[in-house]
């Protein structure tokens, strides 16, 4: 089912209608779709233990298709990850690709950060040659340049973000990595790992899975521990132990990876500055920190 993308705003009401239409096209019973999260994608709970994930426009169709395929292959390789529902997918409705996933029952609970280290170690040891050949190489810039240009922010803040982008783009070809390239998650952080009802970790979100330096997946947790204070040093030590003893914060590439991560996080949040004065102030603080790396990072953990 494919139609011309509508100009309607991406709202919970629209997401529920798209989920119902996509479920019907896939031969599923939608029930009354219940919104779980509305962000880059809309995530809704359907009946029968099915979760629908709806992208914002048709440009994400190939990504959604790859995400389903990769999740199946990683599950088959023994990586604990959420399973795609066994129907032909994605389904495109009014220009929105929709995918279906098995629901993790119960309240959404983040897994301990040590579990993230253990799961990344499993993921990074996947040595499926055919999977690696089908994955694209890491794009370290992704949507960041476009977000910098489109974000509703002050010109002087945009200039700071442009300057930092130029800086890290110049430094990237010279980066030194200790770990070999391999399959990486691409957006590995605590929010993308939850617990099932038995307490076992389940990895989520596979639209960024690619091949690249494994340090890329470890850098966010290191940044959250040593610069942002979102993770305690004890918890970070557990993450390092679970991964196998490699501490990204002592690696030669870490300063660059941390700065790149800060830029990506700031550019993403800058797209949302009109939502509230609090978010606008948060973006201004982050930009100031990027302009002056010595400033204390009092960043909100949104």
Protein backbone atom coordinates (compact mmCIF):
# COMPACT_ATOMS: atom_id res chain seq x y z
CA UNK A 1 0.00 0.00 0.00
CA UNK A 2 1.75 3.13 -1.21
CA UNK A 3 0.46 6.64 -1.68
CA UNK A 4 1.75 10.15 -2.09
CA UNK A 5 3.09 11.46 1.22
CA UNK A 6 0.63 13.67 2.98
CA UNK A 7 1.53 17.10 4.26
CA UNK A 8 -0.17 16.41 7.59
CA UNK A 9 1.98 16.93 10.69
CA UNK A 10 3.39 13.76 12.24
CA UNK A 11 1.07 13.57 15.25
CA UNK A 12 -0.11 10.77 17.56
CA UNK A 13 -3.47 10.75 15.77
CA UNK A 14 -1.82 10.33 12.36
CA UNK A 15 0.57 7.68 13.73
CA UNK A 16 -2.37 5.64 15.09
CA UNK A 17 -4.16 5.79 11.75
CA UNK A 18 -1.00 4.77 9.85
CA UNK A 19 -0.40 1.89 12.27
CA UNK A 20 -3.97 0.62 11.78
CA UNK A 21 -3.77 0.84 7.99
CA UNK A 22 -0.36 -0.84 7.86
CA UNK A 23 -1.47 -3.64 10.20
CA UNK A 24 -4.52 -4.33 8.04
CA UNK A 25 -2.32 -4.44 4.93
CA UNK A 26 -0.02 -6.93 6.67
CA UNK A 27 -2.91 -9.16 7.74
CA UNK A 28 -2.62 -8.18 11.41
CA UNK A 29 -5.33 -7.06 13.83
CA UNK A 30 -4.38 -3.59 15.07
CA UNK A 31 -6.89 -3.26 17.90
CA UNK A 32 -6.66 0.30 19.25
CA UNK A 33 -3.04 1.43 18.64
CA UNK A 34 -1.44 2.82 21.78
CA UNK A 35 1.37 5.35 21.40
CA UNK A 36 4.57 4.31 23.19
CA UNK A 37 6.92 6.98 21.87
CA UNK A 38 6.92 9.76 19.28
CA UNK A 39 10.38 10.88 18.24
CA UNK A 40 12.36 10.27 15.08
CA UNK A 41 9.91 7.40 14.63
CA UNK A 42 6.48 6.74 16.09
CA UNK A 43 6.26 3.52 18.10
CA UNK A 44 2.82 2.10 18.87
CA UNK A 45 1.53 -1.00 20.63
CA UNK A 46 -0.97 -3.07 18.65
CA UNK A 47 -2.96 -6.10 19.74
CA UNK A 48 -1.46 -9.59 19.97
CA UNK A 49 1.98 -8.58 21.23
CA UNK A 50 2.90 -6.57 18.12
CA UNK A 51 4.64 -3.18 18.08
CA UNK A 52 4.54 -0.93 15.01
CA UNK A 53 7.39 1.46 14.20
CA UNK A 54 6.54 4.24 11.76
CA UNK A 55 9.11 6.37 9.94
CA UNK A 56 8.46 10.01 9.12
CA UNK A 57 8.74 9.79 5.34
CA UNK A 58 9.44 7.51 2.39
CA UNK A 59 13.16 8.34 2.35
CA UNK A 60 13.49 5.91 5.28
CA UNK A 61 12.07 2.91 3.39
CA UNK A 62 15.45 1.36 2.52
CA UNK A 63 16.64 1.93 6.10
CA UNK A 64 13.52 0.23 7.50
CA UNK A 65 13.95 -2.70 5.12
CA UNK A 66 17.59 -3.11 6.13
CA UNK A 67 16.74 -2.80 9.83
CA UNK A 68 14.33 -5.74 9.66
CA UNK A 69 16.81 -7.90 7.76
CA UNK A 70 19.71 -7.05 10.05
CA UNK A 71 17.68 -7.73 13.20
CA UNK A 72 16.74 -11.17 11.90
CA UNK A 73 20.33 -12.03 11.04
CA UNK A 74 21.70 -10.77 14.35
CA UNK A 75 19.04 -12.74 16.23
CA UNK A 76 20.05 -15.84 14.27
CA UNK A 77 23.69 -15.13 15.19
CA UNK A 78 22.81 -15.22 18.90
CA UNK A 79 22.75 -11.49 19.64
CA UNK A 80 19.91 -10.78 22.10
CA UNK A 81 17.77 -8.39 20.11
CA UNK A 82 14.13 -7.58 19.52
CA UNK A 83 12.58 -9.80 16.83
CA UNK A 84 10.78 -8.54 13.73
CA UNK A 85 7.22 -9.88 13.49
CA UNK A 86 7.05 -12.67 10.86
CA UNK A 87 5.17 -10.80 8.12
CA UNK A 88 6.36 -9.28 4.82
CA UNK A 89 7.59 -5.78 5.65
CA UNK A 90 8.07 -2.83 5.57
CA UNK A 91 4.59 -1.70 4.63
CA UNK A 92 4.41 1.82 3.18
CA UNK A 93 1.29 3.85 3.99
CA UNK A 94 0.90 7.39 2.71
CA UNK A 95 4.65 7.68 2.34
CA UNK A 96 5.45 6.31 5.81
CA UNK A 97 7.37 2.99 6.03
CA UNK A 98 5.98 0.84 8.84
CA UNK A 99 7.71 -2.16 10.43
CA UNK A 100 6.36 -4.65 12.99
CA UNK A 101 8.17 -6.09 16.00
CA UNK A 102 7.55 -8.52 18.84
CA UNK A 103 6.67 -6.59 21.98
CA UNK A 104 8.82 -6.93 25.08
CA UNK A 105 6.09 -7.39 27.73
CA UNK A 106 5.90 -5.42 30.94
CA UNK A 107 7.11 -1.93 31.79
CA UNK A 108 10.05 -0.68 29.73
CA UNK A 109 13.14 -1.10 31.94
CA UNK A 110 16.64 -0.10 30.96
CA UNK A 111 19.18 -2.85 31.38
CA UNK A 112 22.23 -2.27 33.61
CA UNK A 113 25.08 -0.57 31.78
CA UNK A 114 27.25 -3.66 32.28
CA UNK A 115 24.74 -5.58 30.16
CA UNK A 116 25.34 -3.09 27.34
CA UNK A 117 29.05 -3.92 27.49
CA UNK A 118 28.31 -7.64 27.32
CA UNK A 119 25.86 -7.30 24.42
CA UNK A 120 28.25 -5.09 22.46
CA UNK A 121 30.96 -7.67 22.96
CA UNK A 122 28.61 -10.28 21.43
CA UNK A 123 27.66 -8.00 18.58
CA UNK A 124 31.25 -7.05 17.82
CA UNK A 125 32.29 -10.69 17.56
CA UNK A 126 29.66 -11.51 14.92
CA UNK A 127 31.78 -12.73 12.03
CA UNK A 128 29.17 -13.41 9.37
CA UNK A 129 31.00 -12.55 6.17
CA UNK A 130 27.83 -12.28 4.08
CA UNK A 131 26.25 -9.92 6.64
CA UNK A 132 29.35 -7.73 6.72
CA UNK A 133 29.42 -7.55 2.94
CA UNK A 134 25.81 -6.37 2.82
CA UNK A 135 26.25 -3.68 5.45
CA UNK A 136 27.33 -0.18 4.50
CA UNK A 137 30.44 1.40 6.04
CA UNK A 138 29.95 3.82 8.90
CA UNK A 139 28.91 7.33 7.88
CA UNK A 140 30.30 9.33 10.83
CA UNK A 141 28.37 12.46 9.83
CA UNK A 142 24.97 10.94 9.02
CA UNK A 143 22.27 13.61 9.43
CA UNK A 144 24.43 16.03 11.41
CA UNK A 145 25.30 18.56 8.68
CA UNK A 146 21.66 18.84 7.60
CA UNK A 147 20.47 19.25 11.17
CA UNK A 148 22.99 22.03 11.76
CA UNK A 149 21.65 23.91 8.74
CA UNK A 150 17.94 23.33 9.43
CA UNK A 151 17.87 23.79 13.20
CA UNK A 152 15.93 26.87 14.43
CA UNK A 153 18.87 28.36 16.32
CA UNK A 154 20.78 31.65 16.41
CA UNK A 155 23.25 32.32 13.59
CA UNK A 156 26.14 32.56 16.02
CA UNK A 157 25.29 29.13 17.46
CA UNK A 158 25.06 27.69 13.96
CA UNK A 159 28.51 29.07 13.19
CA UNK A 160 29.92 27.28 16.25
CA UNK A 161 28.39 23.99 15.14
CA UNK A 162 29.69 24.46 11.61
CA UNK A 163 33.19 25.17 12.93
CA UNK A 164 33.18 22.07 15.13
CA UNK A 165 31.90 19.98 12.21
CA UNK A 166 34.78 21.26 10.04
CA UNK A 167 37.21 20.49 12.85
CA UNK A 168 36.15 16.87 13.34
CA UNK A 169 35.82 16.22 9.61
CA UNK A 170 39.43 17.33 9.17
CA UNK A 171 40.56 15.12 12.09
CA UNK A 172 38.60 11.97 11.16
CA UNK A 173 40.93 10.68 8.39
CA UNK A 174 43.84 10.83 10.87
CA UNK A 175 42.08 8.94 13.69
CA UNK A 176 43.91 5.92 15.14
CA UNK A 177 41.88 2.92 16.31
CA UNK A 178 43.10 0.06 18.49
CA UNK A 179 40.24 -2.32 17.72
CA UNK A 180 39.59 -3.87 14.31
CA UNK A 181 36.65 -2.88 12.15
CA UNK A 182 33.58 -5.06 12.34
CA UNK A 183 29.82 -5.07 12.69
CA UNK A 184 28.77 -2.19 14.95
CA UNK A 185 25.40 -1.00 16.23
CA UNK A 186 26.04 2.60 15.26
CA UNK A 187 23.87 4.15 18.02
CA UNK A 188 24.85 2.15 21.08
CA UNK A 189 23.66 3.73 24.32
CA UNK A 190 21.75 2.65 27.41
CA UNK A 191 18.41 3.74 25.96
CA UNK A 192 18.70 1.13 23.20
CA UNK A 193 19.00 -1.80 25.61
CA UNK A 194 16.06 -2.92 27.75
CA UNK A 195 15.24 -5.90 29.94
CA UNK A 196 12.70 -8.57 29.17
CA UNK A 197 10.42 -9.79 32.01
CA UNK A 198 13.09 -12.27 33.09
CA UNK A 199 15.77 -9.57 33.33
CA UNK A 200 17.64 -10.56 30.16
CA UNK A 201 18.93 -7.71 27.95
CA UNK A 202 17.29 -7.00 24.59
CA UNK A 203 18.98 -4.76 22.01
CA UNK A 204 16.82 -2.29 20.05
CA UNK A 205 17.03 0.02 17.02
CA UNK A 206 19.02 -1.34 14.08
CA UNK A 207 18.70 1.48 11.56
CA UNK A 208 22.33 2.52 12.18
CA UNK A 209 23.94 -0.96 12.09
CA UNK A 210 26.94 -0.87 9.77
CA UNK A 211 30.61 -1.78 9.66
CA UNK A 212 33.23 0.44 11.23
CA UNK A 213 35.62 0.90 14.16
CA UNK A 214 34.27 -0.80 17.26
CA UNK A 215 35.35 2.17 19.35
CA UNK A 216 32.42 4.03 17.80
CA UNK A 217 29.95 1.95 19.84
CA UNK A 218 31.95 2.33 23.07
CA UNK A 219 32.50 6.09 22.94
CA UNK A 220 29.00 7.21 24.06
CA UNK A 221 29.21 5.29 27.33
CA UNK A 222 32.71 6.62 27.96
CA UNK A 223 31.54 10.17 27.31
CA UNK A 224 28.54 9.79 29.62
CA UNK A 225 30.85 8.56 32.39
CA UNK A 226 33.85 10.89 32.22
CA UNK A 227 32.40 14.15 30.88
CA UNK A 228 28.64 14.26 31.42
CA UNK A 229 28.30 12.38 34.69
CA UNK A 230 25.27 10.42 33.49
CA UNK A 231 26.94 7.14 34.47
CA UNK A 232 28.83 6.51 37.71
CA UNK A 233 32.46 5.49 37.57
CA UNK A 234 31.59 2.17 39.24
CA UNK A 235 28.94 1.42 36.62
CA UNK A 236 31.37 2.38 33.89
CA UNK A 237 33.96 0.00 35.32
CA UNK A 238 31.33 -2.74 35.09
CA UNK A 239 30.73 -1.84 31.44
CA UNK A 240 34.46 -2.06 30.70
CA UNK A 241 34.76 -5.43 32.45
CA UNK A 242 31.73 -6.83 30.64
CA UNK A 243 33.12 -5.76 27.27
CA UNK A 244 36.39 -7.55 28.00
CA UNK A 245 38.57 -4.92 29.64
CA UNK A 246 38.95 -2.37 26.86
CA UNK A 247 38.54 1.18 28.22
CA UNK A 248 37.62 3.54 25.41
CA UNK A 249 38.39 6.61 27.53
CA UNK A 250 42.11 5.78 27.42
CA UNK A 251 42.14 5.07 23.66
CA UNK A 252 43.83 7.54 21.28
CA UNK A 253 40.63 8.08 19.31
CA UNK A 254 38.46 8.90 22.33
CA UNK A 255 38.88 12.71 22.41
CA UNK A 256 37.79 12.92 18.77
CA UNK A 257 34.94 10.41 19.17
CA UNK A 258 33.67 12.21 22.28
CA UNK A 259 33.68 15.56 20.49
CA UNK A 260 31.86 14.05 17.52
CA UNK A 261 29.27 12.54 19.83
CA UNK A 262 28.73 15.85 21.60
CA UNK A 263 28.23 17.53 18.23
CA UNK A 264 25.74 14.90 17.06
CA UNK A 265 23.78 15.12 20.31
CA UNK A 266 23.67 18.91 20.13
CA UNK A 267 22.67 19.03 16.46
CA UNK A 268 19.84 16.56 17.12
CA UNK A 269 18.55 18.51 20.11
CA UNK A 270 18.85 21.80 18.21
CA UNK A 271 16.09 20.58 15.90
CA UNK A 272 13.73 20.71 18.91
CA UNK A 273 14.57 24.12 20.37
CA UNK A 274 11.13 25.56 19.61
CA UNK A 275 9.43 22.99 21.84
CA UNK A 276 10.23 24.82 25.08
CA UNK A 277 12.40 27.49 26.65
CA UNK A 278 14.12 24.77 28.67
CA UNK A 279 15.26 22.98 25.51
CA UNK A 280 16.39 26.23 23.91
CA UNK A 281 18.51 27.00 26.98
CA UNK A 282 19.92 23.47 26.97
CA UNK A 283 21.01 23.82 23.35
CA UNK A 284 22.65 27.18 24.08
CA UNK A 285 24.59 25.61 26.95
CA UNK A 286 25.70 22.69 24.79
CA UNK A 287 26.85 25.03 22.03
CA UNK A 288 28.83 27.06 24.60
CA UNK A 289 30.51 23.84 25.77
CA UNK A 290 31.42 22.93 22.19
CA UNK A 291 32.89 26.39 21.72
CA UNK A 292 34.90 26.02 24.96
CA UNK A 293 35.79 22.38 25.72
CA UNK A 294 36.95 23.39 29.23
CA UNK A 295 33.45 24.38 30.35
CA UNK A 296 31.77 21.96 32.81
CA UNK A 297 29.13 19.87 31.06
CA UNK A 298 25.86 20.31 32.93
CA UNK A 299 23.91 18.60 30.19
CA UNK A 300 20.40 17.29 30.61
CA UNK A 301 20.13 13.57 29.93
CA UNK A 302 17.24 13.91 27.49
